[in-house]
Amino acid sequence: MSPARAMAMLATLHSGETVLPTTDGREIRLRRTTCPTAEQKELLDGLRLRLPEQHGSNYECSADFGPSRSNLTDLTPSWAPN
């Protein structure tokens, strides 16, 4: 495979990081990358490269950080019917 072909194949892989500041000054960082095709995986393995791991999303939150039952109505979108 030519270097130009390899670069073109890898050019379709994308990575991004979302940084969410917290109220106590810390940051939550979420990194996402596109899933490589079988051909891209083979090329990455041959080059001894690996993509960053994507940690699963945790959609649970503690009671301290979740909305209280009393203000669940505040989460209703303005366009939603009453």
PDB file of N, CA and C in Angstrom:
ATOM      1  N   MET A   1       0.859  -1.173   0.000  1.00  0.00           N
ATOM      2  CA  MET A   1       0.000   0.000   0.000  1.00  0.00           C
ATOM      3  C   MET A   1       0.907   1.239   0.000  1.00  0.00           C
ATOM      4  N   SER A   2       0.540   2.189  -0.818  1.00  0.00           N
ATOM      5  CA  SER A   2       1.342   3.412  -0.906  1.00  0.00           C
ATOM      6  C   SER A   2       1.089   4.304   0.308  1.00  0.00           C
ATOM      7  N   PRO A   3       2.067   5.143   0.646  1.00  0.00           N
ATOM      8  CA  PRO A   3       1.852   6.076   1.759  1.00  0.00           C
ATOM      9  C   PRO A   3       0.650   6.992   1.526  1.00  0.00           C
ATOM     10  N   ALA A   4       0.434   7.407   0.284  1.00  0.00           N
ATOM     11  CA  ALA A   4      -0.700   8.294  -0.013  1.00  0.00           C
ATOM     12  C   ALA A   4      -2.018   7.574   0.234  1.00  0.00           C
ATOM     13  N   ARG A   5      -2.088   6.302  -0.145  1.00  0.00           N
ATOM     14  CA  ARG A   5      -3.317   5.511   0.071  1.00  0.00           C
ATOM     15  C   ARG A   5      -3.557   5.322   1.571  1.00  0.00           C
ATOM     16  N   ALA A   6      -2.476   5.032   2.310  1.00  0.00           N
ATOM     17  CA  ALA A   6      -2.606   4.848   3.756  1.00  0.00           C
ATOM     18  C   ALA A   6      -3.088   6.134   4.425  1.00  0.00           C
ATOM     19  N   MET A   7      -2.520   7.269   4.035  1.00  0.00           N
ATOM     20  CA  MET A   7      -2.943   8.551   4.614  1.00  0.00           C
ATOM     21  C   MET A   7      -4.397   8.857   4.277  1.00  0.00           C
ATOM     22  N   ALA A   8      -4.800   8.560   3.037  1.00  0.00           N
ATOM     23  CA  ALA A   8      -6.184   8.807   2.632  1.00  0.00           C
ATOM     24  C   ALA A   8      -7.142   7.934   3.441  1.00  0.00           C
ATOM     25  N   MET A   9      -6.738   6.699   3.700  1.00  0.00           N
ATOM     26  CA  MET A   9      -7.599   5.792   4.455  1.00  0.00           C
ATOM     27  C   MET A   9      -7.727   6.247   5.909  1.00  0.00           C
ATOM     28  N   LEU A  10      -6.625   6.710   6.481  1.00  0.00           N
ATOM     29  CA  LEU A  10      -6.661   7.145   7.879  1.00  0.00           C
ATOM     30  C   LEU A  10      -7.271   8.537   8.050  1.00  0.00           C
ATOM     31  N   ALA A  11      -7.354   9.301   6.965  1.00  0.00           N
ATOM     32  CA  ALA A  11      -7.904  10.659   7.045  1.00  0.00           C
ATOM     33  C   ALA A  11      -9.379  10.669   7.418  1.00  0.00           C
ATOM     34  N   THR A  12     -10.060   9.550   7.243  1.00  0.00           N
ATOM     35  CA  THR A  12     -11.490   9.505   7.572  1.00  0.00           C
ATOM     36  C   THR A  12     -11.732   9.211   9.049  1.00  0.00           C
ATOM     37  N   LEU A  13     -10.664   8.914   9.798  1.00  0.00           N
ATOM     38  CA  LEU A  13     -10.807   8.707  11.238  1.00  0.00           C
ATOM     39  C   LEU A  13     -10.804  10.070  11.928  1.00  0.00           C
ATOM     40  N   HIS A  14     -11.740  10.272  12.816  1.00  0.00           N
ATOM     41  CA  HIS A  14     -11.852  11.553  13.511  1.00  0.00           C
ATOM     42  C   HIS A  14     -11.889  11.318  15.015  1.00  0.00           C
ATOM     43  N   SER A  15     -11.402  12.299  15.750  1.00  0.00           N
ATOM     44  CA  SER A  15     -11.395  12.237  17.199  1.00  0.00           C
ATOM     45  C   SER A  15     -11.773  13.615  17.724  1.00  0.00           C
ATOM     46  N   GLY A  16     -12.494  13.625  18.816  1.00  0.00           N
ATOM     47  CA  GLY A  16     -12.866  14.892  19.442  1.00  0.00           C
ATOM     48  C   GLY A  16     -12.971  14.722  20.942  1.00  0.00           C
ATOM     49  N   GLU A  17     -12.768  15.809  21.644  1.00  0.00           N
ATOM     50  CA  GLU A  17     -12.861  15.787  23.096  1.00  0.00           C
ATOM     51  C   GLU A  17     -13.770  16.919  23.554  1.00  0.00           C
ATOM     52  N   THR A  18     -14.709  16.577  24.411  1.00  0.00           N
ATOM     53  CA  THR A  18     -15.597  17.563  25.003  1.00  0.00           C
ATOM     54  C   THR A  18     -15.146  17.790  26.440  1.00  0.00           C
ATOM     55  N   VAL A  19     -14.966  19.043  26.807  1.00  0.00           N
ATOM     56  CA  VAL A  19     -14.542  19.389  28.170  1.00  0.00           C
ATOM     57  C   VAL A  19     -15.691  20.130  28.841  1.00  0.00           C
ATOM     58  N   LEU A  20     -16.158  19.574  29.939  1.00  0.00           N
ATOM     59  CA  LEU A  20     -17.261  20.174  30.691  1.00  0.00           C
ATOM     60  C   LEU A  20     -16.736  20.665  32.032  1.00  0.00           C
ATOM     61  N   PRO A  21     -16.759  21.969  32.280  1.00  0.00           N
ATOM     62  CA  PRO A  21     -16.307  22.473  33.580  1.00  0.00           C
ATOM     63  C   PRO A  21     -17.359  22.176  34.652  1.00  0.00           C
ATOM     64  N   THR A  22     -16.882  21.881  35.846  1.00  0.00           N
ATOM     65  CA  THR A  22     -17.793  21.657  36.961  1.00  0.00           C
ATOM     66  C   THR A  22     -17.812  22.898  37.853  1.00  0.00           C
ATOM     67  N   THR A  23     -18.773  22.962  38.741  1.00  0.00           N
ATOM     68  CA  THR A  23     -18.906  24.137  39.603  1.00  0.00           C
ATOM     69  C   THR A  23     -17.789  24.246  40.625  1.00  0.00           C
ATOM     70  N   ASP A  24     -17.081  23.136  40.880  1.00  0.00           N
ATOM     71  CA  ASP A  24     -15.989  23.194  41.856  1.00  0.00           C
ATOM     72  C   ASP A  24     -14.619  23.341  41.196  1.00  0.00           C
ATOM     73  N   GLY A  25     -14.586  23.705  39.916  1.00  0.00           N
ATOM     74  CA  GLY A  25     -13.332  23.992  39.234  1.00  0.00           C
ATOM     75  C   GLY A  25     -12.687  22.809  38.525  1.00  0.00           C
ATOM     76  N   ARG A  26     -13.234  21.616  38.673  1.00  0.00           N
ATOM     77  CA  ARG A  26     -12.679  20.464  37.974  1.00  0.00           C
ATOM     78  C   ARG A  26     -13.267  20.398  36.571  1.00  0.00           C
ATOM     79  N   GLU A  27     -12.789  19.442  35.774  1.00  0.00           N
ATOM     80  CA  GLU A  27     -13.290  19.263  34.411  1.00  0.00           C
ATOM     81  C   GLU A  27     -13.658  17.812  34.175  1.00  0.00           C
ATOM     82  N   ILE A  28     -14.703  17.614  33.409  1.00  0.00           N
ATOM     83  CA  ILE A  28     -15.076  16.282  32.938  1.00  0.00           C
ATOM     84  C   ILE A  28     -14.694  16.249  31.463  1.00  0.00           C
ATOM     85  N   ARG A  29     -13.854  15.281  31.082  1.00  0.00           N
ATOM     86  CA  ARG A  29     -13.390  15.175  29.697  1.00  0.00           C
ATOM     87  C   ARG A  29     -13.962  13.912  29.064  1.00  0.00           C
ATOM     88  N   LEU A  30     -14.607  14.075  27.916  1.00  0.00           N
ATOM     89  CA  LEU A  30     -15.182  12.966  27.174  1.00  0.00           C
ATOM     90  C   LEU A  30     -14.528  12.909  25.799  1.00  0.00           C
ATOM     91  N   ARG A  31     -13.808  11.825  25.506  1.00  0.00           N
ATOM     92  CA  ARG A  31     -13.152  11.677  24.212  1.00  0.00           C
ATOM     93  C   ARG A  31     -13.909  10.645  23.384  1.00  0.00           C
ATOM     94  N   ARG A  32     -14.132  10.974  22.144  1.00  0.00           N
ATOM     95  CA  ARG A  32     -14.807  10.074  21.216  1.00  0.00           C
ATOM     96  C   ARG A  32     -14.010  10.010  19.927  1.00  0.00           C
ATOM     97  N   THR A  33     -13.923   8.828  19.359  1.00  0.00           N
ATOM     98  CA  THR A  33     -13.286   8.637  18.059  1.00  0.00           C
ATOM     99  C   THR A  33     -14.227   7.827  17.186  1.00  0.00           C
ATOM    100  N   THR A  34     -14.069   7.981  15.873  1.00  0.00           N
ATOM    101  CA  THR A  34     -14.856   7.167  14.966  1.00  0.00           C
ATOM    102  C   THR A  34     -14.375   5.732  15.041  1.00  0.00           C
ATOM    103  N   CYS A  35     -15.248   4.803  14.749  1.00  0.00           N
ATOM    104  CA  CYS A  35     -14.876   3.385  14.751  1.00  0.00           C
ATOM    105  C   CYS A  35     -14.202   3.055  13.421  1.00  0.00           C
ATOM    106  N   PRO A  36     -12.983   2.515  13.468  1.00  0.00           N
ATOM    107  CA  PRO A  36     -12.301   2.190  12.220  1.00  0.00           C
ATOM    108  C   PRO A  36     -12.936   0.987  11.522  1.00  0.00           C
ATOM    109  N   THR A  37     -12.839   0.998  10.203  1.00  0.00           N
ATOM    110  CA  THR A  37     -13.292  -0.145   9.415  1.00  0.00           C
ATOM    111  C   THR A  37     -12.301  -1.292   9.604  1.00  0.00           C
ATOM    112  N   ALA A  38     -12.633  -2.460   9.112  1.00  0.00           N
ATOM    113  CA  ALA A  38     -11.730  -3.608   9.213  1.00  0.00           C
ATOM    114  C   ALA A  38     -10.406  -3.298   8.510  1.00  0.00           C
ATOM    115  N   GLU A  39     -10.485  -2.642   7.361  1.00  0.00           N
ATOM    116  CA  GLU A  39      -9.275  -2.293   6.614  1.00  0.00           C
ATOM    117  C   GLU A  39      -8.421  -1.284   7.392  1.00  0.00           C
ATOM    118  N   GLN A  40      -9.075  -0.316   8.027  1.00  0.00           N
ATOM    119  CA  GLN A  40      -8.351   0.674   8.830  1.00  0.00           C
ATOM    120  C   GLN A  40      -7.718   0.016  10.062  1.00  0.00           C
ATOM    121  N   LYS A  41      -8.446  -0.928  10.688  1.00  0.00           N
ATOM    122  CA  LYS A  41      -7.891  -1.641  11.838  1.00  0.00           C
ATOM    123  C   LYS A  41      -6.633  -2.401  11.443  1.00  0.00           C
ATOM    124  N   GLU A  42      -6.688  -3.050  10.287  1.00  0.00           N
ATOM    125  CA  GLU A  42      -5.537  -3.800   9.801  1.00  0.00           C
ATOM    126  C   GLU A  42      -4.338  -2.872   9.573  1.00  0.00           C
ATOM    127  N   LEU A  43      -4.593  -1.719   8.975  1.00  0.00           N
ATOM    128  CA  LEU A  43      -3.532  -0.750   8.738  1.00  0.00           C
ATOM    129  C   LEU A  43      -2.967  -0.224  10.058  1.00  0.00           C
ATOM    130  N   LEU A  44      -3.834   0.123  10.997  1.00  0.00           N
ATOM    131  CA  LEU A  44      -3.385   0.610  12.305  1.00  0.00           C
ATOM    132  C   LEU A  44      -2.543  -0.445  13.020  1.00  0.00           C
ATOM    133  N   ASP A  45      -2.980  -1.706  12.958  1.00  0.00           N
ATOM    134  CA  ASP A  45      -2.213  -2.785  13.579  1.00  0.00           C
ATOM    135  C   ASP A  45      -0.842  -2.911  12.926  1.00  0.00           C
ATOM    136  N   GLY A  46      -0.809  -2.823  11.593  1.00  0.00           N
ATOM    137  CA  GLY A  46       0.452  -2.926  10.869  1.00  0.00           C
ATOM    138  C   GLY A  46       1.415  -1.792  11.207  1.00  0.00           C
ATOM    139  N   LEU A  47       0.872  -0.630  11.507  1.00  0.00           N
ATOM    140  CA  LEU A  47       1.693   0.523  11.877  1.00  0.00           C
ATOM    141  C   LEU A  47       1.967   0.570  13.392  1.00  0.00           C
ATOM    142  N   ARG A  48       1.418  -0.399  14.104  1.00  0.00           N
ATOM    143  CA  ARG A  48       1.527  -0.460  15.571  1.00  0.00           C
ATOM    144  C   ARG A  48       0.977   0.797  16.236  1.00  0.00           C
ATOM    145  N   LEU A  49      -0.146   1.236  15.708  1.00  0.00           N
ATOM    146  CA  LEU A  49      -0.857   2.387  16.277  1.00  0.00           C
ATOM    147  C   LEU A  49      -2.166   1.902  16.871  1.00  0.00           C
ATOM    148  N   ARG A  50      -2.605   2.573  17.895  1.00  0.00           N
ATOM    149  CA  ARG A  50      -3.928   2.261  18.431  1.00  0.00           C
ATOM    150  C   ARG A  50      -4.649   3.549  18.765  1.00  0.00           C
ATOM    151  N   LEU A  51      -5.938   3.496  18.587  1.00  0.00           N
ATOM    152  CA  LEU A  51      -6.778   4.654  18.897  1.00  0.00           C
ATOM    153  C   LEU A  51      -7.011   4.718  20.400  1.00  0.00           C
ATOM    154  N   PRO A  52      -7.269   5.911  20.927  1.00  0.00           N
ATOM    155  CA  PRO A  52      -7.571   6.016  22.364  1.00  0.00           C
ATOM    156  C   PRO A  52      -8.821   5.222  22.708  1.00  0.00           C
ATOM    157  N   GLU A  53      -8.825   4.656  23.892  1.00  0.00           N
ATOM    158  CA  GLU A  53     -10.003   3.908  24.330  1.00  0.00           C
ATOM    159  C   GLU A  53     -11.159   4.856  24.579  1.00  0.00           C
ATOM    160  N   GLN A  54     -12.343   4.358  24.261  1.00  0.00           N
ATOM    161  CA  GLN A  54     -13.547   5.124  24.569  1.00  0.00           C
ATOM    162  C   GLN A  54     -14.201   4.471  25.766  1.00  0.00           C
ATOM    163  N   HIS A  55     -14.279   5.196  26.838  1.00  0.00           N
ATOM    164  CA  HIS A  55     -14.918   4.657  28.026  1.00  0.00           C
ATOM    165  C   HIS A  55     -16.417   4.788  27.859  1.00  0.00           C
ATOM    166  N   GLY A  56     -17.118   3.785  28.322  1.00  0.00           N
ATOM    167  CA  GLY A  56     -18.571   3.806  28.221  1.00  0.00           C
ATOM    168  C   GLY A  56     -19.166   4.970  28.978  1.00  0.00           C
ATOM    169  N   SER A  57     -20.282   5.433  28.527  1.00  0.00           N
ATOM    170  CA  SER A  57     -20.960   6.530  29.206  1.00  0.00           C
ATOM    171  C   SER A  57     -21.703   5.995  30.414  1.00  0.00           C
ATOM    172  N   ASN A  58     -21.661   6.728  31.473  1.00  0.00           N
ATOM    173  CA  ASN A  58     -22.385   6.377  32.679  1.00  0.00           C
ATOM    174  C   ASN A  58     -23.539   7.367  32.803  1.00  0.00           C
ATOM    175  N   TYR A  59     -24.740   6.886  32.546  1.00  0.00           N
ATOM    176  CA  TYR A  59     -25.895   7.772  32.557  1.00  0.00           C
ATOM    177  C   TYR A  59     -26.532   7.861  33.939  1.00  0.00           C
ATOM    178  N   GLU A  60     -25.969   7.166  34.921  1.00  0.00           N
ATOM    179  CA  GLU A  60     -26.505   7.241  36.266  1.00  0.00           C
ATOM    180  C   GLU A  60     -25.853   8.405  36.994  1.00  0.00           C
ATOM    181  N   CYS A  61     -26.554   8.972  37.899  1.00  0.00           N
ATOM    182  CA  CYS A  61     -25.967  10.020  38.724  1.00  0.00           C
ATOM    183  C   CYS A  61     -26.424   9.802  40.163  1.00  0.00           C
ATOM    184  N   SER A  62     -25.694  10.370  41.068  1.00  0.00           N
ATOM    185  CA  SER A  62     -26.059  10.210  42.475  1.00  0.00           C
ATOM    186  C   SER A  62     -27.228  11.140  42.799  1.00  0.00           C
ATOM    187  N   ALA A  63     -27.840  10.905  43.911  1.00  0.00           N
ATOM    188  CA  ALA A  63     -28.968  11.745  44.326  1.00  0.00           C
ATOM    189  C   ALA A  63     -28.515  13.180  44.551  1.00  0.00           C
ATOM    190  N   ASP A  64     -27.243  13.358  44.893  1.00  0.00           N
ATOM    191  CA  ASP A  64     -26.740  14.706  45.125  1.00  0.00           C
ATOM    192  C   ASP A  64     -26.716  15.546  43.855  1.00  0.00           C
ATOM    193  N   PHE A  65     -26.578  14.901  42.718  1.00  0.00           N
ATOM    194  CA  PHE A  65     -26.430  15.637  41.475  1.00  0.00           C
ATOM    195  C   PHE A  65     -27.667  15.578  40.582  1.00  0.00           C
ATOM    196  N   GLY A  66     -28.598  14.729  40.876  1.00  0.00           N
ATOM    197  CA  GLY A  66     -29.794  14.615  40.063  1.00  0.00           C
ATOM    198  C   GLY A  66     -30.828  15.636  40.475  1.00  0.00           C
ATOM    199  N   PRO A  67     -31.822  15.876  39.616  1.00  0.00           N
ATOM    200  CA  PRO A  67     -32.886  16.828  39.985  1.00  0.00           C
ATOM    201  C   PRO A  67     -33.763  16.230  41.076  1.00  0.00           C
ATOM    202  N   SER A  68     -34.248  17.073  41.923  1.00  0.00           N
ATOM    203  CA  SER A  68     -35.159  16.589  42.948  1.00  0.00           C
ATOM    204  C   SER A  68     -36.525  16.361  42.317  1.00  0.00           C
ATOM    205  N   ARG A  69     -37.328  15.570  42.963  1.00  0.00           N
ATOM    206  CA  ARG A  69     -38.661  15.275  42.430  1.00  0.00           C
ATOM    207  C   ARG A  69     -39.500  16.554  42.303  1.00  0.00           C
ATOM    208  N   SER A  70     -39.272  17.495  43.187  1.00  0.00           N
ATOM    209  CA  SER A  70     -40.098  18.700  43.188  1.00  0.00           C
ATOM    210  C   SER A  70     -39.853  19.580  41.965  1.00  0.00           C
ATOM    211  N   ASN A  71     -38.662  19.538  41.376  1.00  0.00           N
ATOM    212  CA  ASN A  71     -38.450  20.404  40.218  1.00  0.00           C
ATOM    213  C   ASN A  71     -38.309  19.618  38.918  1.00  0.00           C
ATOM    214  N   LEU A  72     -38.888  18.430  38.847  1.00  0.00           N
ATOM    215  CA  LEU A  72     -38.910  17.699  37.585  1.00  0.00           C
ATOM    216  C   LEU A  72     -39.753  18.429  36.545  1.00  0.00           C
ATOM    217  N   THR A  73     -40.743  19.170  36.986  1.00  0.00           N
ATOM    218  CA  THR A  73     -41.565  19.927  36.044  1.00  0.00           C
ATOM    219  C   THR A  73     -40.752  21.027  35.377  1.00  0.00           C
ATOM    220  N   ASP A  74     -39.686  21.482  36.049  1.00  0.00           N
ATOM    221  CA  ASP A  74     -38.832  22.511  35.457  1.00  0.00           C
ATOM    222  C   ASP A  74     -38.091  21.996  34.233  1.00  0.00           C
ATOM    223  N   LEU A  75     -37.998  20.679  34.084  1.00  0.00           N
ATOM    224  CA  LEU A  75     -37.284  20.083  32.964  1.00  0.00           C
ATOM    225  C   LEU A  75     -38.159  19.918  31.730  1.00  0.00           C
ATOM    226  N   THR A  76     -39.422  20.236  31.852  1.00  0.00           N
ATOM    227  CA  THR A  76     -40.336  20.128  30.717  1.00  0.00           C
ATOM    228  C   THR A  76     -40.008  21.203  29.701  1.00  0.00           C
ATOM    229  N   PRO A  77     -39.783  20.831  28.425  1.00  0.00           N
ATOM    230  CA  PRO A  77     -39.471  21.836  27.404  1.00  0.00           C
ATOM    231  C   PRO A  77     -40.615  22.825  27.233  1.00  0.00           C
ATOM    232  N   SER A  78     -40.271  24.044  26.888  1.00  0.00           N
ATOM    233  CA  SER A  78     -41.276  25.104  26.748  1.00  0.00           C
ATOM    234  C   SER A  78     -42.268  24.801  25.644  1.00  0.00           C
ATOM    235  N   TRP A  79     -41.863  23.989  24.648  1.00  0.00           N
ATOM    236  CA  TRP A  79     -42.750  23.685  23.532  1.00  0.00           C
ATOM    237  C   TRP A  79     -43.699  22.532  23.846  1.00  0.00           C
ATOM    238  N   ALA A  80     -43.483  21.822  24.965  1.00  0.00           N
ATOM    239  CA  ALA A  80     -44.306  20.659  25.293  1.00  0.00           C
ATOM    240  C   ALA A  80     -45.691  21.114  25.723  1.00  0.00           C
ATOM    241  N   PRO A  81     -46.717  20.355  25.315  1.00  0.00           N
ATOM    242  CA  PRO A  81     -48.091  20.723  25.740  1.00  0.00           C
ATOM    243  C   PRO A  81     -48.253  20.490  27.224  1.00  0.00           C
ATOM    244  N   ASN A  82     -49.132  21.273  27.844  1.00  0.00           N
ATOM    245  CA  ASN A  82     -49.384  21.127  29.289  1.00  0.00           C
ATOM    246  C   ASN A  82     -50.293  19.982  29.584  1.00  0.00           C
TER     247      ASN A  82
END
